[in-house]
Amino acid sequence: MLQEFKKFILRGNVMDLAVGVVIGAAFGAIVTSLVNDIIMPIIGFITAGISFSDLKVVLRQAVMSGADITTPEVAITYGHLIEVTIQFLIIALCVFLVVKAINTLREKAEANQPKVVAAPAAKPEDVLLLEEIRDLLKKA
């Protein structure tokens, strides 16, 4: 079982998937930073200083006892959903652009490849013999 597991792990597809997951996680961190640190402040500036992360609908206020919170606030934080949606759209756009670039490069590489025309396969002897008999019968 250990040998079979080792064989499974060392196959090319699994290693490619592992590399893709690691790169995807790093890419996700970059996009999160891009959205939180650059795009959302610009959108907040355009919308007169509104921070999307602060947008929420409070269902129940927090209960305070002096300076301590006895019952936390219950709220629907739809602003966070807006931020995550923007992150998703940016990731989707980046993946689209990468796939489009790869497809363009692939098409160019295929266009530069010489076209090889395969020779027709040789007919089996029995087919040749039957064709000869057919031709002889046509002549008779």
N, C-alpha and C. Protein backbone atom coordinates (compact mmCIF):
# COMPACT_ATOMS: atom_id res chain seq x y z
N MET A 1 0.83 -1.18 0.00
CA MET A 1 0.00 0.00 0.00
C MET A 1 0.88 1.25 0.00
N LEU A 2 1.98 1.22 0.72
CA LEU A 2 2.89 2.35 0.76
C LEU A 2 3.51 2.60 -0.61
N GLN A 3 3.88 1.53 -1.31
CA GLN A 3 4.45 1.67 -2.65
C GLN A 3 3.42 2.27 -3.61
N GLU A 4 2.20 1.81 -3.50
CA GLU A 4 1.13 2.32 -4.37
C GLU A 4 0.88 3.80 -4.09
N PHE A 5 0.90 4.20 -2.81
CA PHE A 5 0.73 5.60 -2.45
C PHE A 5 1.88 6.43 -3.00
N LYS A 6 3.10 5.93 -2.88
CA LYS A 6 4.28 6.64 -3.38
C LYS A 6 4.17 6.82 -4.90
N LYS A 7 3.73 5.79 -5.60
CA LYS A 7 3.55 5.86 -7.04
C LYS A 7 2.50 6.91 -7.40
N PHE A 8 1.42 6.95 -6.62
CA PHE A 8 0.35 7.92 -6.86
C PHE A 8 0.86 9.35 -6.66
N ILE A 9 1.59 9.57 -5.59
CA ILE A 9 2.07 10.92 -5.27
C ILE A 9 3.09 11.40 -6.29
N LEU A 10 3.91 10.54 -6.79
CA LEU A 10 4.98 10.94 -7.68
C LEU A 10 4.54 11.04 -9.14
N ARG A 11 3.28 10.76 -9.43
CA ARG A 11 2.80 10.96 -10.80
C ARG A 11 2.82 12.44 -11.12
N GLY A 12 2.98 12.76 -12.39
CA GLY A 12 3.09 14.15 -12.81
C GLY A 12 1.87 14.98 -12.49
N ASN A 13 0.68 14.44 -12.65
CA ASN A 13 -0.53 15.22 -12.43
C ASN A 13 -0.66 15.68 -10.99
N VAL A 14 -0.32 14.81 -10.05
CA VAL A 14 -0.45 15.17 -8.64
C VAL A 14 0.57 16.25 -8.28
N MET A 15 1.76 16.14 -8.81
CA MET A 15 2.78 17.16 -8.53
C MET A 15 2.38 18.49 -9.17
N ASP A 16 1.84 18.45 -10.38
CA ASP A 16 1.37 19.68 -11.02
C ASP A 16 0.26 20.33 -10.20
N LEU A 17 -0.64 19.51 -9.69
CA LEU A 17 -1.73 20.02 -8.86
C LEU A 17 -1.18 20.65 -7.58
N ALA A 18 -0.22 20.02 -6.96
CA ALA A 18 0.37 20.56 -5.74
C ALA A 18 1.02 21.92 -6.01
N VAL A 19 1.76 22.02 -7.10
CA VAL A 19 2.39 23.29 -7.45
C VAL A 19 1.32 24.34 -7.73
N GLY A 20 0.24 23.94 -8.41
CA GLY A 20 -0.84 24.87 -8.69
C GLY A 20 -1.51 25.39 -7.43
N VAL A 21 -1.69 24.51 -6.45
CA VAL A 21 -2.31 24.92 -5.18
C VAL A 21 -1.43 25.92 -4.45
N VAL A 22 -0.14 25.66 -4.40
CA VAL A 22 0.79 26.56 -3.70
C VAL A 22 0.83 27.92 -4.40
N ILE A 23 0.94 27.90 -5.72
CA ILE A 23 0.97 29.17 -6.45
C ILE A 23 -0.37 29.89 -6.31
N GLY A 24 -1.48 29.14 -6.33
CA GLY A 24 -2.80 29.74 -6.16
C GLY A 24 -2.95 30.42 -4.81
N ALA A 25 -2.42 29.79 -3.77
CA ALA A 25 -2.50 30.39 -2.43
C ALA A 25 -1.69 31.69 -2.38
N ALA A 26 -0.50 31.67 -2.97
CA ALA A 26 0.32 32.89 -2.99
C ALA A 26 -0.36 33.97 -3.83
N PHE A 27 -0.93 33.57 -4.95
CA PHE A 27 -1.63 34.52 -5.82
C PHE A 27 -2.84 35.11 -5.09
N GLY A 28 -3.54 34.28 -4.33
CA GLY A 28 -4.68 34.75 -3.55
C GLY A 28 -4.26 35.80 -2.53
N ALA A 29 -3.12 35.60 -1.90
CA ALA A 29 -2.62 36.58 -0.93
C ALA A 29 -2.30 37.91 -1.61
N ILE A 30 -1.74 37.83 -2.81
CA ILE A 30 -1.41 39.06 -3.55
C ILE A 30 -2.70 39.79 -3.93
N VAL A 31 -3.68 39.06 -4.41
CA VAL A 31 -4.94 39.70 -4.81
C VAL A 31 -5.66 40.28 -3.60
N THR A 32 -5.63 39.57 -2.47
CA THR A 32 -6.24 40.10 -1.24
C THR A 32 -5.60 41.42 -0.85
N SER A 33 -4.29 41.47 -0.91
CA SER A 33 -3.59 42.71 -0.59
C SER A 33 -3.93 43.80 -1.60
N LEU A 34 -3.99 43.45 -2.88
CA LEU A 34 -4.34 44.42 -3.91
C LEU A 34 -5.72 45.02 -3.65
N VAL A 35 -6.68 44.16 -3.34
CA VAL A 35 -8.04 44.64 -3.10
C VAL A 35 -8.10 45.47 -1.82
N ASN A 36 -7.58 44.93 -0.72
CA ASN A 36 -7.69 45.61 0.58
C ASN A 36 -6.85 46.88 0.67
N ASP A 37 -5.67 46.87 0.07
CA ASP A 37 -4.74 47.98 0.27
C ASP A 37 -4.76 49.03 -0.85
N ILE A 38 -5.27 48.67 -2.03
CA ILE A 38 -5.24 49.62 -3.14
C ILE A 38 -6.64 49.92 -3.67
N ILE A 39 -7.36 48.88 -4.07
CA ILE A 39 -8.64 49.11 -4.74
C ILE A 39 -9.71 49.62 -3.78
N MET A 40 -9.87 48.99 -2.64
CA MET A 40 -10.93 49.40 -1.71
C MET A 40 -10.71 50.81 -1.17
N PRO A 41 -9.49 51.25 -0.84
CA PRO A 41 -9.33 52.65 -0.44
C PRO A 41 -9.71 53.63 -1.56
N ILE A 42 -9.40 53.27 -2.81
CA ILE A 42 -9.78 54.14 -3.93
C ILE A 42 -11.30 54.20 -4.03
N ILE A 43 -11.95 53.05 -3.94
CA ILE A 43 -13.42 53.03 -3.99
C ILE A 43 -13.99 53.79 -2.80
N GLY A 44 -13.39 53.64 -1.63
CA GLY A 44 -13.83 54.40 -0.45
C GLY A 44 -13.67 55.89 -0.65
N PHE A 45 -12.59 56.31 -1.31
CA PHE A 45 -12.37 57.73 -1.60
C PHE A 45 -13.43 58.24 -2.56
N ILE A 46 -13.72 57.45 -3.59
CA ILE A 46 -14.73 57.84 -4.59
C ILE A 46 -16.11 57.93 -3.95
N THR A 47 -16.39 57.04 -2.99
CA THR A 47 -17.71 57.03 -2.34
C THR A 47 -17.72 57.87 -1.06
N ALA A 48 -16.91 58.90 -1.02
CA ALA A 48 -16.86 59.86 0.10
C ALA A 48 -16.45 59.22 1.42
N GLY A 49 -15.46 58.37 1.38
CA GLY A 49 -14.87 57.83 2.60
C GLY A 49 -15.59 56.64 3.20
N ILE A 50 -16.53 56.07 2.49
CA ILE A 50 -17.24 54.90 3.03
C ILE A 50 -16.31 53.69 2.91
N SER A 51 -16.11 53.01 4.01
CA SER A 51 -15.31 51.79 4.01
C SER A 51 -16.27 50.60 3.89
N PHE A 52 -16.09 49.80 2.85
CA PHE A 52 -17.01 48.69 2.64
C PHE A 52 -16.97 47.69 3.79
N SER A 53 -15.83 47.54 4.42
CA SER A 53 -15.74 46.56 5.51
C SER A 53 -16.59 46.98 6.71
N ASP A 54 -16.95 48.27 6.79
CA ASP A 54 -17.77 48.75 7.90
C ASP A 54 -19.28 48.68 7.61
N LEU A 55 -19.65 48.37 6.37
CA LEU A 55 -21.06 48.33 6.02
C LEU A 55 -21.71 47.09 6.61
N LYS A 56 -22.80 47.30 7.34
CA LYS A 56 -23.48 46.17 7.98
C LYS A 56 -24.89 46.57 8.36
N VAL A 57 -25.70 45.55 8.58
CA VAL A 57 -27.05 45.74 9.12
C VAL A 57 -27.05 45.11 10.50
N VAL A 58 -27.24 45.92 11.52
CA VAL A 58 -27.20 45.43 12.90
C VAL A 58 -28.55 44.82 13.25
N LEU A 59 -28.52 43.55 13.61
CA LEU A 59 -29.74 42.86 14.02
C LEU A 59 -29.98 43.02 15.52
N ARG A 60 -28.89 43.00 16.28
CA ARG A 60 -29.00 43.20 17.73
C ARG A 60 -27.74 43.93 18.19
N GLN A 61 -27.96 45.02 18.92
CA GLN A 61 -26.84 45.80 19.44
C GLN A 61 -26.07 45.01 20.50
N ALA A 62 -24.83 45.35 20.65
CA ALA A 62 -24.02 44.72 21.69
C ALA A 62 -24.50 45.21 23.06
N VAL A 63 -24.46 44.31 24.03
CA VAL A 63 -24.85 44.67 25.40
C VAL A 63 -23.56 44.91 26.17
N MET A 64 -23.48 46.11 26.76
CA MET A 64 -22.27 46.52 27.47
C MET A 64 -22.53 46.50 28.97
N SER A 65 -21.50 46.13 29.70
CA SER A 65 -21.53 46.22 31.15
C SER A 65 -20.30 47.02 31.55
N GLY A 66 -20.47 48.30 31.62
CA GLY A 66 -19.33 49.18 31.86
C GLY A 66 -18.51 49.26 30.58
N ALA A 67 -17.24 48.85 30.66
CA ALA A 67 -16.38 48.85 29.48
C ALA A 67 -16.32 47.48 28.82
N ASP A 68 -16.93 46.48 29.45
CA ASP A 68 -16.91 45.11 28.92
C ASP A 68 -18.15 44.83 28.09
N ILE A 69 -17.96 44.01 27.06
CA ILE A 69 -19.07 43.57 26.22
C ILE A 69 -19.58 42.26 26.79
N THR A 70 -20.83 42.25 27.25
CA THR A 70 -21.40 41.01 27.79
C THR A 70 -22.01 40.16 26.69
N THR A 71 -22.67 40.81 25.73
CA THR A 71 -23.23 40.10 24.58
C THR A 71 -22.77 40.82 23.32
N PRO A 72 -22.08 40.11 22.43
CA PRO A 72 -21.57 40.81 21.24
C PRO A 72 -22.69 41.19 20.27
N GLU A 73 -22.37 42.12 19.42
CA GLU A 73 -23.31 42.59 18.41
C GLU A 73 -23.58 41.48 17.38
N VAL A 74 -24.82 41.41 16.93
CA VAL A 74 -25.19 40.49 15.86
C VAL A 74 -25.52 41.35 14.65
N ALA A 75 -24.74 41.12 13.55
CA ALA A 75 -24.92 41.97 12.38
C ALA A 75 -24.65 41.19 11.11
N ILE A 76 -25.30 41.64 10.04
CA ILE A 76 -25.03 41.10 8.70
C ILE A 76 -24.01 42.04 8.06
N THR A 77 -22.80 41.56 7.87
CA THR A 77 -21.71 42.39 7.34
C THR A 77 -21.65 42.23 5.82
N TYR A 78 -22.54 42.90 5.13
CA TYR A 78 -22.59 42.79 3.68
C TYR A 78 -21.43 43.52 3.01
N GLY A 79 -20.79 44.42 3.70
CA GLY A 79 -19.62 45.11 3.15
C GLY A 79 -18.48 44.14 2.88
N HIS A 80 -18.31 43.17 3.76
CA HIS A 80 -17.28 42.15 3.56
C HIS A 80 -17.59 41.32 2.32
N LEU A 81 -18.87 41.03 2.10
CA LEU A 81 -19.28 40.31 0.90
C LEU A 81 -18.91 41.09 -0.36
N ILE A 82 -19.09 42.40 -0.32
CA ILE A 82 -18.73 43.24 -1.47
C ILE A 82 -17.23 43.14 -1.73
N GLU A 83 -16.42 43.22 -0.68
CA GLU A 83 -14.96 43.12 -0.83
C GLU A 83 -14.55 41.76 -1.40
N VAL A 84 -15.13 40.69 -0.89
CA VAL A 84 -14.79 39.35 -1.36
C VAL A 84 -15.23 39.17 -2.81
N THR A 85 -16.36 39.75 -3.18
CA THR A 85 -16.82 39.67 -4.56
C THR A 85 -15.86 40.39 -5.49
N ILE A 86 -15.37 41.54 -5.08
CA ILE A 86 -14.39 42.27 -5.88
C ILE A 86 -13.11 41.44 -6.01
N GLN A 87 -12.68 40.81 -4.92
CA GLN A 87 -11.50 39.95 -4.98
C GLN A 87 -11.71 38.83 -5.98
N PHE A 88 -12.90 38.20 -5.94
CA PHE A 88 -13.19 37.11 -6.87
C PHE A 88 -13.13 37.59 -8.31
N LEU A 89 -13.73 38.75 -8.59
CA LEU A 89 -13.73 39.26 -9.95
C LEU A 89 -12.32 39.56 -10.44
N ILE A 90 -11.47 40.07 -9.56
CA ILE A 90 -10.08 40.35 -9.95
C ILE A 90 -9.34 39.04 -10.22
N ILE A 91 -9.53 38.04 -9.36
CA ILE A 91 -8.88 36.75 -9.58
C ILE A 91 -9.37 36.13 -10.89
N ALA A 92 -10.68 36.19 -11.13
CA ALA A 92 -11.23 35.62 -12.36
C ALA A 92 -10.67 36.34 -13.58
N LEU A 93 -10.55 37.66 -13.51
CA LEU A 93 -9.99 38.42 -14.62
C LEU A 93 -8.53 38.03 -14.87
N CYS A 94 -7.76 37.91 -13.79
CA CYS A 94 -6.34 37.53 -13.93
C CYS A 94 -6.20 36.13 -14.52
N VAL A 95 -6.99 35.18 -14.04
CA VAL A 95 -6.94 33.82 -14.57
C VAL A 95 -7.34 33.82 -16.05
N PHE A 96 -8.38 34.59 -16.39
CA PHE A 96 -8.79 34.70 -17.79
C PHE A 96 -7.65 35.23 -18.65
N LEU A 97 -6.98 36.28 -18.20
CA LEU A 97 -5.89 36.86 -18.98
C LEU A 97 -4.72 35.89 -19.13
N VAL A 98 -4.41 35.14 -18.07
CA VAL A 98 -3.32 34.16 -18.15
C VAL A 98 -3.68 33.05 -19.12
N VAL A 99 -4.89 32.52 -19.03
CA VAL A 99 -5.32 31.45 -19.93
C VAL A 99 -5.35 31.95 -21.37
N LYS A 100 -5.83 33.18 -21.57
CA LYS A 100 -5.87 33.75 -22.92
C LYS A 100 -4.46 33.90 -23.47
N ALA A 101 -3.51 34.35 -22.66
CA ALA A 101 -2.13 34.49 -23.12
C ALA A 101 -1.52 33.12 -23.46
N ILE A 102 -1.79 32.13 -22.64
CA ILE A 102 -1.27 30.79 -22.90
C ILE A 102 -1.86 30.24 -24.19
N ASN A 103 -3.16 30.41 -24.39
CA ASN A 103 -3.80 29.93 -25.62
C ASN A 103 -3.25 30.64 -26.85
N THR A 104 -2.99 31.94 -26.74
CA THR A 104 -2.41 32.69 -27.86
C THR A 104 -1.02 32.17 -28.19
N LEU A 105 -0.21 31.94 -27.16
CA LEU A 105 1.13 31.40 -27.39
C LEU A 105 1.06 30.00 -27.99
N ARG A 106 0.12 29.19 -27.53
CA ARG A 106 -0.05 27.85 -28.06
C ARG A 106 -0.44 27.88 -29.53
N GLU A 107 -1.37 28.79 -29.87
CA GLU A 107 -1.81 28.91 -31.27
C GLU A 107 -0.67 29.36 -32.16
N LYS A 108 0.16 30.30 -31.67
CA LYS A 108 1.31 30.75 -32.46
C LYS A 108 2.31 29.62 -32.65
N ALA A 109 2.53 28.84 -31.59
CA ALA A 109 3.47 27.73 -31.70
C ALA A 109 2.95 26.67 -32.67
N GLU A 110 1.65 26.40 -32.65
CA GLU A 110 1.07 25.42 -33.57
C GLU A 110 1.11 25.93 -35.01
N ALA A 111 0.95 27.25 -35.19
CA ALA A 111 0.99 27.81 -36.54
C ALA A 111 2.40 27.73 -37.13
N ASN A 112 3.42 27.80 -36.27
CA ASN A 112 4.80 27.75 -36.73
C ASN A 112 5.28 26.32 -36.97
N GLN A 113 4.55 25.35 -36.48
CA GLN A 113 4.95 23.95 -36.66
C GLN A 113 4.66 23.54 -38.10
N PRO A 114 5.61 22.83 -38.73
CA PRO A 114 5.33 22.34 -40.09
C PRO A 114 4.25 21.28 -40.03
N LYS A 115 3.37 21.34 -40.99
CA LYS A 115 2.28 20.38 -41.05
C LYS A 115 2.79 19.09 -41.66
N VAL A 116 2.62 18.00 -40.94
CA VAL A 116 3.06 16.69 -41.40
C VAL A 116 1.82 15.94 -41.87
N VAL A 117 1.85 15.57 -43.14
CA VAL A 117 0.73 14.82 -43.69
C VAL A 117 1.12 13.35 -43.67
N ALA A 118 0.33 12.59 -42.98
CA ALA A 118 0.62 11.16 -42.86
C ALA A 118 0.31 10.47 -44.18
N ALA A 119 1.18 9.55 -44.53
CA ALA A 119 0.96 8.76 -45.74
C ALA A 119 -0.23 7.84 -45.51
N PRO A 120 -1.02 7.61 -46.54
CA PRO A 120 -2.14 6.70 -46.35
C PRO A 120 -1.64 5.31 -45.99
N ALA A 121 -2.40 4.68 -45.14
CA ALA A 121 -2.00 3.35 -44.69
C ALA A 121 -2.08 2.37 -45.86
N ALA A 122 -1.13 1.45 -45.89
CA ALA A 122 -1.11 0.44 -46.95
C ALA A 122 -2.30 -0.49 -46.78
N LYS A 123 -2.91 -0.85 -47.91
CA LYS A 123 -4.07 -1.73 -47.85
C LYS A 123 -3.61 -3.15 -47.57
N PRO A 124 -4.37 -3.88 -46.81
CA PRO A 124 -4.02 -5.29 -46.55
C PRO A 124 -4.08 -6.09 -47.86
N GLU A 125 -3.36 -7.20 -47.86
CA GLU A 125 -3.27 -8.04 -49.06
C GLU A 125 -4.62 -8.56 -49.52
N ASP A 126 -5.47 -8.95 -48.60
CA ASP A 126 -6.75 -9.50 -49.00
C ASP A 126 -7.62 -8.46 -49.69
N VAL A 127 -7.51 -7.19 -49.27
CA VAL A 127 -8.26 -6.13 -49.93
C VAL A 127 -7.73 -5.92 -51.34
N LEU A 128 -6.39 -5.92 -51.48
CA LEU A 128 -5.80 -5.78 -52.80
C LEU A 128 -6.24 -6.90 -53.73
N LEU A 129 -6.24 -8.13 -53.21
CA LEU A 129 -6.65 -9.27 -54.01
C LEU A 129 -8.11 -9.16 -54.44
N LEU A 130 -8.97 -8.73 -53.53
CA LEU A 130 -10.38 -8.56 -53.86
C LEU A 130 -10.57 -7.45 -54.90
N GLU A 131 -9.79 -6.39 -54.82
CA GLU A 131 -9.87 -5.32 -55.81
C GLU A 131 -9.46 -5.82 -57.19
N GLU A 132 -8.41 -6.65 -57.22
CA GLU A 132 -7.97 -7.22 -58.50
C GLU A 132 -9.06 -8.10 -59.10
N ILE A 133 -9.69 -8.93 -58.28
CA ILE A 133 -10.77 -9.78 -58.76
C ILE A 133 -11.93 -8.92 -59.28
N ARG A 134 -12.27 -7.87 -58.57
CA ARG A 134 -13.34 -6.97 -58.99
C ARG A 134 -13.01 -6.35 -60.34
N ASP A 135 -11.76 -5.88 -60.50
CA ASP A 135 -11.36 -5.26 -61.75
C ASP A 135 -11.41 -6.26 -62.91
N LEU A 136 -11.00 -7.50 -62.65
CA LEU A 136 -11.03 -8.54 -63.70
C LEU A 136 -12.47 -8.85 -64.07
N LEU A 137 -13.35 -8.87 -63.10
CA LEU A 137 -14.76 -9.15 -63.40
C LEU A 137 -15.39 -8.01 -64.21
N LYS A 138 -14.97 -6.80 -63.96
CA LYS A 138 -15.49 -5.66 -64.71
C LYS A 138 -15.09 -5.76 -66.19
N LYS A 139 -13.86 -6.25 -66.43
CA LYS A 139 -13.36 -6.36 -67.80
C LYS A 139 -14.08 -7.47 -68.57
N ALA A 140 -14.51 -8.49 -67.87
CA ALA A 140 -15.11 -9.64 -68.55
C ALA A 140 -16.52 -9.45 -68.98
